[in-house]
C-alpha cells in the first residue's frame, strides 16, 4: 500500500503506517475518512465536550490521530503519576524508542 493512502499525524503531518493493509487497498477494519484507522505505534485521541464544558459539542466527535513521536511529546505535558499509566504501552524489537515500551526480554 502506498503512503498516500496512510493517515497523516494531526500534529506533525507525517504519514502513519496502518496496522492492517491489503494488496488491493481494501480494509475490513474501521476507517477514518476513507483511510485505515488502526495505525502502527500511534494513538487516536477523542475530544469530547458537553454542555458548558471547554467546547459545547454534544453528540459531535472530534479526534486527533497522533504518530508515535507526537504521543510521547503529548505525554510529557502530564504529571508522572499520569504518565505511569502508559508505561509498557507498546512493544519494541531491537531498540527502545521511548520509555513507554516493553519487550519479552525486559525484567
Protein backbone atom coordinates (compact mmCIF):
# COMPACT_ATOMS: atom_id res chain seq x y z
CA UNK A 1 0.00 0.00 0.00
CA UNK A 2 1.30 3.45 -0.88
CA UNK A 3 1.97 6.07 1.77
CA UNK A 4 -0.53 8.39 0.09
CA UNK A 5 -3.24 6.07 1.46
CA UNK A 6 -1.93 6.40 5.03
CA UNK A 7 -3.42 8.76 7.59
CA UNK A 8 -1.24 11.72 8.49
CA UNK A 9 -0.49 12.78 12.04
CA UNK A 10 -2.77 15.62 13.09
CA UNK A 11 0.14 17.45 14.74
CA UNK A 12 3.21 16.93 12.51
CA UNK A 13 1.56 15.72 9.28
CA UNK A 14 3.84 12.66 8.98
CA UNK A 15 2.28 9.59 7.29
CA UNK A 16 1.41 6.86 9.79
CA UNK A 17 1.68 3.22 8.73
CA UNK A 18 -1.57 1.29 9.16
CA UNK A 19 -1.52 -1.91 11.19
CA UNK A 20 -3.68 -3.77 8.69
CA UNK A 21 -3.15 -3.45 4.95
CA UNK A 22 -4.07 -5.38 1.85
CA UNK A 23 -2.71 -5.57 -1.66
CA UNK A 24 -5.90 -4.25 -3.23
CA UNK A 25 -6.19 -1.24 -0.85
CA UNK A 26 -9.34 -2.53 0.81
CA UNK A 27 -9.58 -2.50 4.57
CA UNK A 28 -12.02 -4.64 6.51
CA UNK A 29 -11.39 -2.73 9.74
CA UNK A 30 -12.76 0.67 10.67
CA UNK A 31 -11.89 3.64 8.52
CA UNK A 32 -11.46 7.39 9.09
CA UNK A 33 -12.42 9.47 6.07
CA UNK A 34 -11.53 6.56 3.77
CA UNK A 35 -8.22 5.76 5.50
CA UNK A 36 -7.40 2.82 7.80
CA UNK A 37 -7.94 3.84 11.43
CA UNK A 38 -5.58 1.37 13.15
CA UNK A 39 -2.14 3.00 12.91
CA UNK A 40 1.16 1.45 13.96
CA UNK A 41 2.60 2.97 17.16
CA UNK A 42 0.07 5.81 17.02
CA UNK A 43 -2.91 6.93 19.00
CA UNK A 44 -6.41 8.21 18.35
CA UNK A 45 -7.43 10.85 20.87
CA UNK A 46 -11.14 11.56 21.08
CA UNK A 47 -12.06 15.00 22.37
CA UNK A 48 -15.47 15.03 23.94
CA UNK A 49 -17.15 18.13 25.26
CA UNK A 50 -20.53 18.80 26.69
CA UNK A 51 -22.80 21.50 27.94
CA UNK A 52 -20.77 24.39 29.41
CA UNK A 53 -17.51 22.47 29.05
CA UNK A 54 -14.50 23.73 27.10
CA UNK A 55 -16.41 23.11 23.90
CA UNK A 56 -20.15 22.59 23.61
CA UNK A 57 -20.13 19.75 21.10
CA UNK A 58 -22.78 17.43 22.47
CA UNK A 59 -23.17 14.49 20.10
CA UNK A 60 -20.25 15.56 17.91
CA UNK A 61 -17.00 13.57 17.85
CA UNK A 62 -13.70 15.38 17.37
CA UNK A 63 -10.47 13.45 17.26
CA UNK A 64 -6.78 13.70 16.56
CA UNK A 65 -4.63 10.93 15.13
CA UNK A 66 -1.09 11.19 16.51
CA UNK A 67 2.10 9.43 15.46
CA UNK A 68 4.42 7.77 17.98
CA UNK A 69 6.68 10.79 18.48
CA UNK A 70 3.78 13.20 18.95
CA UNK A 71 2.15 10.87 21.52
CA UNK A 72 5.42 10.83 23.50
CA UNK A 73 5.59 14.63 23.26
CA UNK A 74 1.98 14.95 24.45
CA UNK A 75 2.57 12.67 27.44
CA UNK A 76 5.38 14.93 28.63
CA UNK A 77 2.79 17.61 29.47
CA UNK A 78 1.27 15.42 32.18
CA UNK A 79 2.45 14.63 35.71
CA UNK A 80 4.45 11.47 36.32
CA UNK A 81 1.50 9.78 38.04
CA UNK A 82 -0.48 10.01 34.77
CA UNK A 83 2.46 9.01 32.56
CA UNK A 84 2.92 5.84 34.63
CA UNK A 85 -0.37 4.56 33.17
CA UNK A 86 1.32 4.42 29.76
CA UNK A 87 4.49 2.57 30.80
CA UNK A 88 4.75 -0.67 28.83
CA UNK A 89 2.24 0.58 26.28
CA UNK A 90 3.83 -0.81 23.15
CA UNK A 91 6.43 -3.42 22.19
CA UNK A 92 9.85 -2.88 20.68
CA UNK A 93 12.14 -5.29 18.88
CA UNK A 94 15.82 -4.34 18.99
CA UNK A 95 15.98 -0.75 20.19
CA UNK A 96 13.83 1.04 22.74
CA UNK A 97 12.28 4.05 21.02
CA UNK A 98 10.89 5.65 24.17
CA UNK A 99 10.34 4.98 27.84
CA UNK A 100 6.83 3.63 27.23
CA UNK A 101 7.92 0.38 25.54
CA UNK A 102 8.11 -3.23 26.65
CA UNK A 103 9.77 -6.39 25.40
CA UNK A 104 9.60 -10.05 26.39
CA UNK A 105 13.28 -9.74 27.38
CA UNK A 106 12.59 -6.89 29.83
CA UNK A 107 12.51 -7.54 33.54
